[in-house]
């Protein structure tokens, strides 16, 4: 699904924390069906994640071009990071590493 540049995030800070966490989960387990992603993120958050929270956020990530939505069968979709999604996470990890440089001198 194509998106406009206007709706596409330039970096991970433009996403909600939940959306960033979904990207990390998908990077780890993808391609995966929605229920598999739901189980993984529920385990991380240590609480139930309802469908009304999960699927709208997955669809937003698809619309942003960060996740590709495929079809397993007529009722089941799969989700996988796009190259752009992978790059966004890579940039985020590099930024975090620079912010948390324990070897730097003060």
PDB file of N, CA and C in Angstrom:
ATOM      1  N   UNK A   1       0.843  -1.171   0.000  1.00  0.00           N
ATOM      2  CA  UNK A   1       0.000   0.000   0.000  1.00  0.00           C
ATOM      3  C   UNK A   1       0.894   1.242   0.000  1.00  0.00           C
ATOM      4  N   UNK A   2       0.731   2.133  -0.947  1.00  0.00           N
ATOM      5  CA  UNK A   2       1.560   3.317  -1.059  1.00  0.00           C
ATOM      6  C   UNK A   2       1.117   4.380  -0.061  1.00  0.00           C
ATOM      7  N   UNK A   3       2.088   5.157   0.397  1.00  0.00           N
ATOM      8  CA  UNK A   3       1.796   6.258   1.304  1.00  0.00           C
ATOM      9  C   UNK A   3       2.404   7.531   0.748  1.00  0.00           C
ATOM     10  N   UNK A   4       1.943   8.637   1.253  1.00  0.00           N
ATOM     11  CA  UNK A   4       2.556   9.903   0.880  1.00  0.00           C
ATOM     12  C   UNK A   4       3.695  10.192   1.835  1.00  0.00           C
ATOM     13  N   UNK A   5       4.672  10.978   1.386  1.00  0.00           N
ATOM     14  CA  UNK A   5       5.793  11.333   2.242  1.00  0.00           C
ATOM     15  C   UNK A   5       5.334  12.069   3.491  1.00  0.00           C
ATOM     16  N   UNK A   6       4.231  12.793   3.373  1.00  0.00           N
ATOM     17  CA  UNK A   6       3.724  13.575   4.488  1.00  0.00           C
ATOM     18  C   UNK A   6       3.339  12.696   5.668  1.00  0.00           C
ATOM     19  N   UNK A   7       2.820  11.512   5.429  1.00  0.00           N
ATOM     20  CA  UNK A   7       2.375  10.636   6.507  1.00  0.00           C
ATOM     21  C   UNK A   7       3.475   9.708   7.007  1.00  0.00           C
ATOM     22  N   UNK A   8       4.581   9.649   6.303  1.00  0.00           N
ATOM     23  CA  UNK A   8       5.657   8.735   6.670  1.00  0.00           C
ATOM     24  C   UNK A   8       6.564   9.377   7.716  1.00  0.00           C
ATOM     25  N   UNK A   9       6.825   8.664   8.806  1.00  0.00           N
ATOM     26  CA  UNK A   9       7.698   9.215   9.839  1.00  0.00           C
ATOM     27  C   UNK A   9       9.138   9.303   9.354  1.00  0.00           C
ATOM     28  N   UNK A  10       9.810  10.341   9.756  1.00  0.00           N
ATOM     29  CA  UNK A  10      11.215  10.498   9.419  1.00  0.00           C
ATOM     30  C   UNK A  10      12.109   9.730  10.390  1.00  0.00           C
ATOM     31  N   UNK A  11      11.624   9.544  11.624  1.00  0.00           N
ATOM     32  CA  UNK A  11      12.360   8.741  12.592  1.00  0.00           C
ATOM     33  C   UNK A  11      11.385   8.153  13.606  1.00  0.00           C
ATOM     34  N   UNK A  12      11.890   7.275  14.434  1.00  0.00           N
ATOM     35  CA  UNK A  12      11.036   6.524  15.357  1.00  0.00           C
ATOM     36  C   UNK A  12      10.398   7.403  16.415  1.00  0.00           C
ATOM     37  N   UNK A  13      10.927   8.592  16.641  1.00  0.00           N
ATOM     38  CA  UNK A  13      10.334   9.470  17.653  1.00  0.00           C
ATOM     39  C   UNK A  13       8.953   9.969  17.226  1.00  0.00           C
ATOM     40  N   UNK A  14       8.614   9.837  15.968  1.00  0.00           N
ATOM     41  CA  UNK A  14       7.311  10.257  15.477  1.00  0.00           C
ATOM     42  C   UNK A  14       6.239   9.192  15.669  1.00  0.00           C
ATOM     43  N   UNK A  15       6.640   8.028  16.159  1.00  0.00           N
ATOM     44  CA  UNK A  15       5.707   6.948  16.439  1.00  0.00           C
ATOM     45  C   UNK A  15       5.351   6.952  17.919  1.00  0.00           C
ATOM     46  N   UNK A  16       4.246   6.308  18.268  1.00  0.00           N
ATOM     47  CA  UNK A  16       3.969   6.099  19.680  1.00  0.00           C
ATOM     48  C   UNK A  16       4.904   5.013  20.190  1.00  0.00           C
ATOM     49  N   UNK A  17       5.076   4.937  21.487  1.00  0.00           N
ATOM     50  CA  UNK A  17       5.910   3.890  22.070  1.00  0.00           C
ATOM     51  C   UNK A  17       5.349   2.513  21.723  1.00  0.00           C
ATOM     52  N   UNK A  18       4.032   2.385  21.717  1.00  0.00           N
ATOM     53  CA  UNK A  18       3.401   1.113  21.369  1.00  0.00           C
ATOM     54  C   UNK A  18       3.729   0.723  19.931  1.00  0.00           C
ATOM     55  N   UNK A  19       3.691   1.677  19.021  1.00  0.00           N
ATOM     56  CA  UNK A  19       4.026   1.401  17.620  1.00  0.00           C
ATOM     57  C   UNK A  19       5.490   1.006  17.476  1.00  0.00           C
ATOM     58  N   UNK A  20       6.375   1.683  18.186  1.00  0.00           N
ATOM     59  CA  UNK A  20       7.800   1.302  18.149  1.00  0.00           C
ATOM     60  C   UNK A  20       7.979  -0.115  18.686  1.00  0.00           C
ATOM     61  N   UNK A  21       7.288  -0.425  19.777  1.00  0.00           N
ATOM     62  CA  UNK A  21       7.394  -1.765  20.337  1.00  0.00           C
ATOM     63  C   UNK A  21       6.880  -2.809  19.355  1.00  0.00           C
ATOM     64  N   UNK A  22       5.800  -2.495  18.649  1.00  0.00           N
ATOM     65  CA  UNK A  22       5.294  -3.420  17.626  1.00  0.00           C
ATOM     66  C   UNK A  22       6.346  -3.665  16.553  1.00  0.00           C
ATOM     67  N   UNK A  23       7.035  -2.619  16.137  1.00  0.00           N
ATOM     68  CA  UNK A  23       8.084  -2.794  15.120  1.00  0.00           C
ATOM     69  C   UNK A  23       9.180  -3.723  15.625  1.00  0.00           C
ATOM     70  N   UNK A  24       9.585  -3.561  16.874  1.00  0.00           N
ATOM     71  CA  UNK A  24      10.615  -4.441  17.424  1.00  0.00           C
ATOM     72  C   UNK A  24      10.122  -5.882  17.520  1.00  0.00           C
ATOM     73  N   UNK A  25       8.873  -6.068  17.913  1.00  0.00           N
ATOM     74  CA  UNK A  25       8.300  -7.417  17.981  1.00  0.00           C
ATOM     75  C   UNK A  25       8.274  -8.042  16.585  1.00  0.00           C
ATOM     76  N   UNK A  26       7.788  -7.288  15.600  1.00  0.00           N
ATOM     77  CA  UNK A  26       7.708  -7.809  14.228  1.00  0.00           C
ATOM     78  C   UNK A  26       9.102  -8.119  13.693  1.00  0.00           C
ATOM     79  N   UNK A  27      10.079  -7.286  14.025  1.00  0.00           N
ATOM     80  CA  UNK A  27      11.457  -7.551  13.597  1.00  0.00           C
ATOM     81  C   UNK A  27      11.942  -8.880  14.168  1.00  0.00           C
ATOM     82  N   UNK A  28      11.516  -9.199  15.367  1.00  0.00           N
ATOM     83  CA  UNK A  28      11.956 -10.420  16.030  1.00  0.00           C
ATOM     84  C   UNK A  28      11.228 -11.656  15.521  1.00  0.00           C
ATOM     85  N   UNK A  29       9.914 -11.569  15.331  1.00  0.00           N
ATOM     86  CA  UNK A  29       9.125 -12.768  15.028  1.00  0.00           C
ATOM     87  C   UNK A  29       8.569 -12.821  13.612  1.00  0.00           C
ATOM     88  N   UNK A  30       8.657 -11.719  12.866  1.00  0.00           N
ATOM     89  CA  UNK A  30       8.006 -11.646  11.567  1.00  0.00           C
ATOM     90  C   UNK A  30       8.699 -12.451  10.493  1.00  0.00           C
ATOM     91  N   UNK A  31       8.026 -12.757   9.425  1.00  0.00           N
ATOM     92  CA  UNK A  31       6.605 -12.474   9.234  1.00  0.00           C
ATOM     93  C   UNK A  31       5.758 -13.323  10.178  1.00  0.00           C
ATOM     94  N   UNK A  32       4.741 -12.691  10.715  1.00  0.00           N
ATOM     95  CA  UNK A  32       3.908 -13.344  11.723  1.00  0.00           C
ATOM     96  C   UNK A  32       2.478 -12.871  11.584  1.00  0.00           C
ATOM     97  N   UNK A  33       1.548 -13.726  11.945  1.00  0.00           N
ATOM     98  CA  UNK A  33       0.142 -13.333  11.940  1.00  0.00           C
ATOM     99  C   UNK A  33      -0.127 -12.417  13.128  1.00  0.00           C
ATOM    100  N   UNK A  34      -1.222 -11.681  13.044  1.00  0.00           N
ATOM    101  CA  UNK A  34      -1.564 -10.713  14.070  1.00  0.00           C
ATOM    102  C   UNK A  34      -1.654 -11.299  15.463  1.00  0.00           C
ATOM    103  N   UNK A  35      -2.234 -12.488  15.600  1.00  0.00           N
ATOM    104  CA  UNK A  35      -2.368 -13.095  16.925  1.00  0.00           C
ATOM    105  C   UNK A  35      -1.009 -13.459  17.522  1.00  0.00           C
ATOM    106  N   UNK A  36      -0.066 -13.837  16.688  1.00  0.00           N
ATOM    107  CA  UNK A  36       1.285 -14.114  17.177  1.00  0.00           C
ATOM    108  C   UNK A  36       1.952 -12.853  17.692  1.00  0.00           C
ATOM    109  N   UNK A  37       1.758 -11.758  16.974  1.00  0.00           N
ATOM    110  CA  UNK A  37       2.304 -10.463  17.403  1.00  0.00           C
ATOM    111  C   UNK A  37       1.617 -10.039  18.696  1.00  0.00           C
ATOM    112  N   UNK A  38       0.311 -10.226  18.754  1.00  0.00           N
ATOM    113  CA  UNK A  38      -0.471  -9.883  19.952  1.00  0.00           C
ATOM    114  C   UNK A  38       0.063 -10.638  21.169  1.00  0.00           C
ATOM    115  N   UNK A  39       0.317 -11.921  21.020  1.00  0.00           N
ATOM    116  CA  UNK A  39       0.836 -12.723  22.132  1.00  0.00           C
ATOM    117  C   UNK A  39       2.205 -12.217  22.595  1.00  0.00           C
ATOM    118  N   UNK A  40       3.072 -11.896  21.647  1.00  0.00           N
ATOM    119  CA  UNK A  40       4.424 -11.424  21.989  1.00  0.00           C
ATOM    120  C   UNK A  40       4.392 -10.081  22.718  1.00  0.00           C
ATOM    121  N   UNK A  41       3.579  -9.158  22.221  1.00  0.00           N
ATOM    122  CA  UNK A  41       3.557  -7.834  22.854  1.00  0.00           C
ATOM    123  C   UNK A  41       2.835  -7.884  24.197  1.00  0.00           C
ATOM    124  N   UNK A  42       1.845  -8.762  24.316  1.00  0.00           N
ATOM    125  CA  UNK A  42       1.166  -8.933  25.600  1.00  0.00           C
ATOM    126  C   UNK A  42       2.132  -9.492  26.642  1.00  0.00           C
ATOM    127  N   UNK A  43       3.000 -10.390  26.209  1.00  0.00           N
ATOM    128  CA  UNK A  43       4.004 -10.938  27.122  1.00  0.00           C
ATOM    129  C   UNK A  43       4.967  -9.837  27.574  1.00  0.00           C
ATOM    130  N   UNK A  44       5.404  -8.999  26.634  1.00  0.00           N
ATOM    131  CA  UNK A  44       6.317  -7.912  26.971  1.00  0.00           C
ATOM    132  C   UNK A  44       5.664  -6.915  27.930  1.00  0.00           C
ATOM    133  N   UNK A  45       4.413  -6.554  27.667  1.00  0.00           N
ATOM    134  CA  UNK A  45       3.706  -5.590  28.509  1.00  0.00           C
ATOM    135  C   UNK A  45       3.142  -6.224  29.778  1.00  0.00           C
ATOM    136  N   UNK A  46       3.169  -7.542  29.852  1.00  0.00           N
ATOM    137  CA  UNK A  46       2.636  -8.282  30.989  1.00  0.00           C
ATOM    138  C   UNK A  46       1.166  -7.954  31.243  1.00  0.00           C
ATOM    139  N   UNK A  47       0.426  -7.769  30.147  1.00  0.00           N
ATOM    140  CA  UNK A  47      -1.022  -7.571  30.250  1.00  0.00           C
ATOM    141  C   UNK A  47      -1.656  -7.866  28.893  1.00  0.00           C
ATOM    142  N   UNK A  48      -2.932  -8.115  28.913  1.00  0.00           N
ATOM    143  CA  UNK A  48      -3.670  -8.419  27.693  1.00  0.00           C
ATOM    144  C   UNK A  48      -3.739  -7.186  26.789  1.00  0.00           C
ATOM    145  N   UNK A  49      -3.515  -7.393  25.517  1.00  0.00           N
ATOM    146  CA  UNK A  49      -3.652  -6.340  24.514  1.00  0.00           C
ATOM    147  C   UNK A  49      -4.887  -6.675  23.693  1.00  0.00           C
ATOM    148  N   UNK A  50      -5.850  -5.762  23.655  1.00  0.00           N
ATOM    149  CA  UNK A  50      -7.079  -6.086  22.924  1.00  0.00           C
ATOM    150  C   UNK A  50      -6.921  -5.787  21.437  1.00  0.00           C
ATOM    151  N   UNK A  51      -7.784  -6.420  20.648  1.00  0.00           N
ATOM    152  CA  UNK A  51      -7.742  -6.272  19.190  1.00  0.00           C
ATOM    153  C   UNK A  51      -7.940  -4.823  18.770  1.00  0.00           C
ATOM    154  N   UNK A  52      -8.745  -4.086  19.522  1.00  0.00           N
ATOM    155  CA  UNK A  52      -9.022  -2.695  19.197  1.00  0.00           C
ATOM    156  C   UNK A  52      -7.811  -1.787  19.337  1.00  0.00           C
ATOM    157  N   UNK A  53      -6.815  -2.226  20.050  1.00  0.00           N
ATOM    158  CA  UNK A  53      -5.562  -1.480  20.142  1.00  0.00           C
ATOM    159  C   UNK A  53      -4.544  -1.991  19.128  1.00  0.00           C
ATOM    160  N   UNK A  54      -4.473  -3.300  18.978  1.00  0.00           N
ATOM    161  CA  UNK A  54      -3.457  -3.903  18.132  1.00  0.00           C
ATOM    162  C   UNK A  54      -3.650  -3.596  16.648  1.00  0.00           C
ATOM    163  N   UNK A  55      -4.790  -3.950  16.112  1.00  0.00           N
ATOM    164  CA  UNK A  55      -4.957  -3.890  14.659  1.00  0.00           C
ATOM    165  C   UNK A  55      -4.983  -2.481  14.083  1.00  0.00           C
ATOM    166  N   UNK A  56      -5.575  -1.491  14.752  1.00  0.00           N
ATOM    167  CA  UNK A  56      -5.449  -0.132  14.211  1.00  0.00           C
ATOM    168  C   UNK A  56      -3.990   0.345  14.163  1.00  0.00           C
ATOM    169  N   UNK A  57      -3.194  -0.030  15.159  1.00  0.00           N
ATOM    170  CA  UNK A  57      -1.783   0.357  15.153  1.00  0.00           C
ATOM    171  C   UNK A  57      -1.003  -0.393  14.080  1.00  0.00           C
ATOM    172  N   UNK A  58      -1.297  -1.673  13.883  1.00  0.00           N
ATOM    173  CA  UNK A  58      -0.652  -2.405  12.787  1.00  0.00           C
ATOM    174  C   UNK A  58      -1.011  -1.773  11.445  1.00  0.00           C
ATOM    175  N   UNK A  59      -2.278  -1.423  11.266  1.00  0.00           N
ATOM    176  CA  UNK A  59      -2.705  -0.792  10.011  1.00  0.00           C
ATOM    177  C   UNK A  59      -2.028   0.552   9.800  1.00  0.00           C
ATOM    178  N   UNK A  60      -1.836   1.313  10.861  1.00  0.00           N
ATOM    179  CA  UNK A  60      -1.125   2.591  10.752  1.00  0.00           C
ATOM    180  C   UNK A  60       0.308   2.363  10.293  1.00  0.00           C
ATOM    181  N   UNK A  61       0.966   1.356  10.859  1.00  0.00           N
ATOM    182  CA  UNK A  61       2.341   1.049  10.455  1.00  0.00           C
ATOM    183  C   UNK A  61       2.408   0.600   9.006  1.00  0.00           C
ATOM    184  N   UNK A  62       1.382  -0.105   8.552  1.00  0.00           N
ATOM    185  CA  UNK A  62       1.300  -0.502   7.139  1.00  0.00           C
ATOM    186  C   UNK A  62       1.145   0.739   6.274  1.00  0.00           C
ATOM    187  N   UNK A  63       0.233   1.631   6.652  1.00  0.00           N
ATOM    188  CA  UNK A  63      -0.002   2.859   5.879  1.00  0.00           C
ATOM    189  C   UNK A  63       1.237   3.743   5.827  1.00  0.00           C
ATOM    190  N   UNK A  64       2.056   3.704   6.865  1.00  0.00           N
ATOM    191  CA  UNK A  64       3.290   4.486   6.907  1.00  0.00           C
ATOM    192  C   UNK A  64       4.402   3.855   6.083  1.00  0.00           C
ATOM    193  N   UNK A  65       4.177   2.637   5.603  1.00  0.00           N
ATOM    194  CA  UNK A  65       5.198   1.964   4.807  1.00  0.00           C
ATOM    195  C   UNK A  65       6.276   1.289   5.624  1.00  0.00           C
ATOM    196  N   UNK A  66       6.033   1.078   6.925  1.00  0.00           N
ATOM    197  CA  UNK A  66       7.022   0.459   7.798  1.00  0.00           C
ATOM    198  C   UNK A  66       6.816  -1.043   7.933  1.00  0.00           C
ATOM    199  N   UNK A  67       5.593  -1.483   7.683  1.00  0.00           N
ATOM    200  CA  UNK A  67       5.228  -2.899   7.788  1.00  0.00           C
ATOM    201  C   UNK A  67       4.475  -3.283   6.526  1.00  0.00           C
ATOM    202  N   UNK A  68       4.757  -4.476   6.043  1.00  0.00           N
ATOM    203  CA  UNK A  68       4.020  -5.006   4.899  1.00  0.00           C
ATOM    204  C   UNK A  68       3.015  -6.029   5.403  1.00  0.00           C
ATOM    205  N   UNK A  69       1.804  -5.907   4.925  1.00  0.00           N
ATOM    206  CA  UNK A  69       0.720  -6.805   5.314  1.00  0.00           C
ATOM    207  C   UNK A  69       0.495  -7.789   4.177  1.00  0.00           C
ATOM    208  N   UNK A  70       0.627  -9.069   4.488  1.00  0.00           N
ATOM    209  CA  UNK A  70       0.395 -10.115   3.507  1.00  0.00           C
ATOM    210  C   UNK A  70      -0.819 -10.944   3.895  1.00  0.00           C
ATOM    211  N   UNK A  71      -1.140 -11.895   3.091  1.00  0.00           N
ATOM    212  CA  UNK A  71      -2.297 -12.744   3.341  1.00  0.00           C
ATOM    213  C   UNK A  71      -1.861 -14.196   3.487  1.00  0.00           C
ATOM    214  N   UNK A  72      -2.227 -14.801   4.592  1.00  0.00           N
ATOM    215  CA  UNK A  72      -1.958 -16.223   4.806  1.00  0.00           C
ATOM    216  C   UNK A  72      -3.122 -17.034   4.244  1.00  0.00           C
ATOM    217  N   UNK A  73      -4.327 -16.601   4.562  1.00  0.00           N
ATOM    218  CA  UNK A  73      -5.544 -17.182   3.999  1.00  0.00           C
ATOM    219  C   UNK A  73      -6.624 -16.100   4.013  1.00  0.00           C
ATOM    220  N   UNK A  74      -7.858 -16.464   3.739  1.00  0.00           N
ATOM    221  CA  UNK A  74      -8.918 -15.457   3.627  1.00  0.00           C
ATOM    222  C   UNK A  74      -9.156 -14.696   4.920  1.00  0.00           C
ATOM    223  N   UNK A  75      -8.819 -15.278   6.061  1.00  0.00           N
ATOM    224  CA  UNK A  75      -9.094 -14.639   7.347  1.00  0.00           C
ATOM    225  C   UNK A  75      -7.842 -14.183   8.082  1.00  0.00           C
ATOM    226  N   UNK A  76      -6.679 -14.574   7.631  1.00  0.00           N
ATOM    227  CA  UNK A  76      -5.457 -14.343   8.398  1.00  0.00           C
ATOM    228  C   UNK A  76      -4.440 -13.553   7.582  1.00  0.00           C
ATOM    229  N   UNK A  77      -3.961 -12.476   8.182  1.00  0.00           N
ATOM    230  CA  UNK A  77      -2.913 -11.662   7.568  1.00  0.00           C
ATOM    231  C   UNK A  77      -1.586 -11.921   8.260  1.00  0.00           C
ATOM    232  N   UNK A  78      -0.518 -11.644   7.542  1.00  0.00           N
ATOM    233  CA  UNK A  78       0.817 -11.695   8.134  1.00  0.00           C
ATOM    234  C   UNK A  78       1.416 -10.302   8.067  1.00  0.00           C
ATOM    235  N   UNK A  79       2.361 -10.045   8.957  1.00  0.00           N
ATOM    236  CA  UNK A  79       2.991  -8.733   9.052  1.00  0.00           C
ATOM    237  C   UNK A  79       4.502  -8.917   9.075  1.00  0.00           C
ATOM    238  N   UNK A  80       5.173  -8.084   8.282  1.00  0.00           N
ATOM    239  CA  UNK A  80       6.626  -8.170   8.155  1.00  0.00           C
ATOM    240  C   UNK A  80       7.174  -6.759   7.980  1.00  0.00           C
ATOM    241  N   UNK A  81       8.345  -6.505   8.561  1.00  0.00           N
ATOM    242  CA  UNK A  81       8.965  -5.194   8.382  1.00  0.00           C
ATOM    243  C   UNK A  81       9.357  -4.974   6.933  1.00  0.00           C
ATOM    244  N   UNK A  82       9.201  -3.745   6.491  1.00  0.00           N
ATOM    245  CA  UNK A  82       9.722  -3.358   5.183  1.00  0.00           C
ATOM    246  C   UNK A  82      11.174  -2.921   5.369  1.00  0.00           C
ATOM    247  N   UNK A  83      11.843  -2.682   4.276  1.00  0.00           N
ATOM    248  CA  UNK A  83      13.206  -2.152   4.345  1.00  0.00           C
ATOM    249  C   UNK A  83      13.208  -0.829   5.114  1.00  0.00           C
ATOM    250  N   UNK A  84      12.216  -0.028   4.848  1.00  0.00           N
ATOM    251  CA  UNK A  84      12.098   1.261   5.538  1.00  0.00           C
ATOM    252  C   UNK A  84      11.894   1.078   7.039  1.00  0.00           C
ATOM    253  N   UNK A  85      11.078   0.097   7.438  1.00  0.00           N
ATOM    254  CA  UNK A  85      10.863  -0.197   8.855  1.00  0.00           C
ATOM    255  C   UNK A  85      12.135  -0.670   9.523  1.00  0.00           C
ATOM    256  N   UNK A  86      12.876  -1.514   8.828  1.00  0.00           N
ATOM    257  CA  UNK A  86      14.149  -2.003   9.353  1.00  0.00           C
ATOM    258  C   UNK A  86      15.131  -0.844   9.537  1.00  0.00           C
ATOM    259  N   UNK A  87      15.197   0.057   8.561  1.00  0.00           N
ATOM    260  CA  UNK A  87      16.097   1.200   8.661  1.00  0.00           C
ATOM    261  C   UNK A  87      15.701   2.122   9.816  1.00  0.00           C
ATOM    262  N   UNK A  88      14.407   2.319  10.002  1.00  0.00           N
ATOM    263  CA  UNK A  88      13.930   3.169  11.092  1.00  0.00           C
ATOM    264  C   UNK A  88      14.361   2.587  12.440  1.00  0.00           C
ATOM    265  N   UNK A  89      14.236   1.274  12.613  1.00  0.00           N
ATOM    266  CA  UNK A  89      14.664   0.635  13.861  1.00  0.00           C
ATOM    267  C   UNK A  89      16.176   0.693  14.026  1.00  0.00           C
ATOM    268  N   UNK A  90      16.905   0.492  12.939  1.00  0.00           N
ATOM    269  CA  UNK A  90      18.366   0.580  13.003  1.00  0.00           C
ATOM    270  C   UNK A  90      18.801   1.967  13.440  1.00  0.00           C
ATOM    271  N   UNK A  91      18.190   2.988  12.859  1.00  0.00           N
ATOM    272  CA  UNK A  91      18.505   4.366  13.241  1.00  0.00           C
ATOM    273  C   UNK A  91      18.171   4.611  14.709  1.00  0.00           C
ATOM    274  N   UNK A  92      17.049   4.059  15.157  1.00  0.00           N
ATOM    275  CA  UNK A  92      16.641   4.229  16.556  1.00  0.00           C
ATOM    276  C   UNK A  92      17.651   3.574  17.499  1.00  0.00           C
ATOM    277  N   UNK A  93      18.082   2.378  17.160  1.00  0.00           N
ATOM    278  CA  UNK A  93      19.055   1.684  18.006  1.00  0.00           C
ATOM    279  C   UNK A  93      20.380   2.435  18.067  1.00  0.00           C
ATOM    280  N   UNK A  94      20.812   2.983  16.938  1.00  0.00           N
ATOM    281  CA  UNK A  94      22.047   3.779  16.918  1.00  0.00           C
ATOM    282  C   UNK A  94      21.896   5.024  17.773  1.00  0.00           C
ATOM    283  N   UNK A  95      20.752   5.684  17.677  1.00  0.00           N
ATOM    284  CA  UNK A  95      20.503   6.875  18.489  1.00  0.00           C
ATOM    285  C   UNK A  95      20.524   6.526  19.973  1.00  0.00           C
ATOM    286  N   UNK A  96      19.856   5.429  20.338  1.00  0.00           N
ATOM    287  CA  UNK A  96      19.824   5.014  21.737  1.00  0.00           C
ATOM    288  C   UNK A  96      21.237   4.692  22.237  1.00  0.00           C
ATOM    289  N   UNK A  97      22.016   4.002  21.436  1.00  0.00           N
ATOM    290  CA  UNK A  97      23.378   3.653  21.842  1.00  0.00           C
ATOM    291  C   UNK A  97      24.201   4.912  22.084  1.00  0.00           C
ATOM    292  N   UNK A  98      24.011   5.934  21.252  1.00  0.00           N
ATOM    293  CA  UNK A  98      24.734   7.186  21.441  1.00  0.00           C
ATOM    294  C   UNK A  98      24.281   7.930  22.691  1.00  0.00           C
ATOM    295  N   UNK A  99      23.009   7.794  23.046  1.00  0.00           N
ATOM    296  CA  UNK A  99      22.489   8.461  24.238  1.00  0.00           C
ATOM    297  C   UNK A  99      22.931   7.756  25.510  1.00  0.00           C
ATOM    298  N   UNK A 100      23.198   6.490  25.405  1.00  0.00           N
ATOM    299  CA  UNK A 100      23.537   5.668  26.560  1.00  0.00           C
ATOM    300  C   UNK A 100      24.959   5.154  26.445  1.00  0.00           C
ATOM    301  N   UNK A 101      25.857   6.038  26.136  1.00  0.00           N
ATOM    302  CA  UNK A 101      27.260   5.677  25.989  1.00  0.00           C
ATOM    303  C   UNK A 101      27.900   5.692  27.371  1.00  0.00           C
ATOM    304  N   UNK A 102      28.023   4.537  27.995  1.00  0.00           N
ATOM    305  CA  UNK A 102      28.544   4.463  29.366  1.00  0.00           C
ATOM    306  C   UNK A 102      30.047   4.727  29.446  1.00  0.00           C
ATOM    307  N   UNK A 103      30.727   4.682  28.319  1.00  0.00           N
ATOM    308  CA  UNK A 103      32.174   4.905  28.310  1.00  0.00           C
ATOM    309  C   UNK A 103      32.544   6.370  28.118  1.00  0.00           C
ATOM    310  N   UNK A 104      31.568   7.219  27.861  1.00  0.00           N
ATOM    311  CA  UNK A 104      31.922   8.619  27.586  1.00  0.00           C
ATOM    312  C   UNK A 104      32.351   9.335  28.867  1.00  0.00           C
ATOM    313  N   UNK A 105      33.212  10.286  28.668  1.00  0.00           N
ATOM    314  CA  UNK A 105      33.715  11.068  29.797  1.00  0.00           C
ATOM    315  C   UNK A 105      32.816  12.273  29.975  1.00  0.00           C
ATOM    316  N   UNK A 106      32.623  12.649  31.206  1.00  0.00           N
ATOM    317  CA  UNK A 106      31.747  13.793  31.489  1.00  0.00           C
ATOM    318  C   UNK A 106      32.531  15.034  31.715  1.00  0.00           C
TER     319      UNK A 106
END
